[in-house]
Every structure is written in C-alpha cells, then in structure tokens.
Amino acid sequence: MSYYYPLPTEPVIHEAFEPVEMSCEACGERDVKRYKALRANGWCVVERCRSCFAYVSVTPTAQSYVPLTAGWPTSSAG
C-alpha cells in the first residue's frame, strides 16, 4: 500500500515514449526518448537513452510532492 500515491485503477499502465532529436552524451546513440516516470521525489518527465539507459535530463512535474497528510481533515488549530 502506498502512502504517497494512490494505487492505479487501470489494469495496465501504458506510457508512450516520445522520440527526442538529440544524441546521448554517454554513448553517442540517437535513441533518446521522453516519457513520464515515478521517481523517489515524485513524477518527473525524463529524457533517457534507450541504448545505455543514461539520463539526459530529468524535470520534476508540478505535483511531484504530495505530503503524507494530504487529504487529512484540519482542526481549528491549523
């Protein structure tokens, strides 16, 4: 059970890879794809080489962090 993110409701999660017109700095291949991935700090848009799996860039999305107390009722104290 995840405390930070709800379990998916879809039976299969499919994230489309978008090709990126650049070459990998680590291996020189031109097989770089952009897709959304869940990392330790939340959802990010990553550009990653599909040949050597090196990260080219990682950009956190707007809602990358969800506090553990999200959705809890608040009291008059705050």
Protein backbone atom coordinates (compact mmCIF):
# COMPACT_ATOMS: atom_id res chain seq x y z
CA MET A 1 0.00 0.00 0.00
CA SER A 2 1.35 3.39 -0.96
CA TYR A 3 1.04 6.26 1.48
CA TYR A 4 2.11 8.91 -1.00
CA TYR A 5 0.36 7.87 -4.21
CA PRO A 6 -2.92 6.00 -4.72
CA LEU A 7 -2.89 2.64 -6.42
CA PRO A 8 -3.65 2.80 -10.15
CA THR A 9 -7.16 1.90 -11.25
CA GLU A 10 -6.15 0.86 -14.77
CA PRO A 11 -5.33 -2.84 -15.26
CA VAL A 12 -2.30 -1.89 -17.41
CA ILE A 13 -0.34 1.34 -17.27
CA HIS A 14 0.97 2.46 -20.64
CA GLU A 15 3.23 5.46 -21.03
CA ALA A 16 4.07 6.43 -24.59
CA PHE A 17 7.71 7.18 -25.40
CA GLU A 18 8.27 10.30 -27.50
CA PRO A 19 11.42 10.41 -29.63
CA VAL A 20 13.81 13.29 -28.91
CA GLU A 21 16.04 14.73 -31.62
CA MET A 22 19.37 14.57 -29.78
CA SER A 23 22.19 12.17 -29.13
CA CYS A 24 23.17 10.65 -25.79
CA GLU A 25 26.16 12.31 -24.13
CA ALA A 26 27.26 8.99 -22.59
CA CYS A 27 27.27 6.66 -25.61
CA GLY A 28 26.57 8.88 -28.63
CA GLU A 29 23.47 6.97 -29.80
CA ARG A 30 20.48 8.90 -31.13
CA ASP A 31 17.90 6.65 -29.43
CA VAL A 32 16.74 9.17 -26.77
CA LYS A 33 13.10 9.04 -25.62
CA ARG A 34 10.98 11.33 -23.42
CA TYR A 35 8.42 9.88 -21.02
CA LYS A 36 6.89 10.35 -17.58
CA ALA A 37 8.32 8.29 -14.71
CA LEU A 38 7.75 7.99 -10.99
CA ARG A 39 10.97 8.58 -9.09
CA ALA A 40 11.71 8.93 -5.37
CA ASN A 41 10.83 12.64 -5.42
CA GLY A 42 7.59 12.12 -7.39
CA TRP A 43 6.55 12.26 -11.05
CA CYS A 44 9.16 13.54 -13.47
CA VAL A 45 9.49 13.93 -17.21
CA VAL A 46 12.70 12.14 -18.16
CA GLU A 47 14.72 12.05 -21.34
CA ARG A 48 16.69 8.84 -21.36
CA CYS A 49 18.86 6.94 -23.80
CA ARG A 50 17.28 3.62 -24.71
CA SER A 51 20.67 2.10 -25.64
CA CYS A 52 22.69 2.68 -22.45
CA PHE A 53 19.82 3.93 -20.18
CA ALA A 54 21.72 7.09 -19.19
CA TYR A 55 19.56 10.04 -18.13
CA VAL A 56 19.87 13.01 -20.45
CA SER A 57 17.52 15.21 -18.39
CA VAL A 58 15.06 14.91 -15.51
CA THR A 59 12.38 17.57 -14.93
CA PRO A 60 10.02 17.32 -11.94
CA THR A 61 6.34 17.88 -12.75
CA ALA A 62 4.20 20.47 -10.97
CA GLN A 63 2.74 17.95 -8.49
CA SER A 64 5.88 15.97 -7.73
CA TYR A 65 5.49 16.10 -3.96
CA VAL A 66 2.38 15.03 -2.09
CA PRO A 67 2.67 15.26 1.70
CA LEU A 68 1.82 12.26 3.82
CA THR A 69 -1.03 14.22 5.44
CA ALA A 70 -2.68 15.25 2.17
CA GLY A 71 -6.45 14.97 2.49
CA TRP A 72 -6.49 14.76 6.27
CA PRO A 73 -9.15 16.88 7.98
CA THR A 74 -7.82 20.01 9.63
CA SER A 75 -8.69 21.33 13.04
CA SER A 76 -9.30 24.89 14.18
CA ALA A 77 -5.67 24.93 15.37
CA GLY A 78 -4.47 24.75 11.80
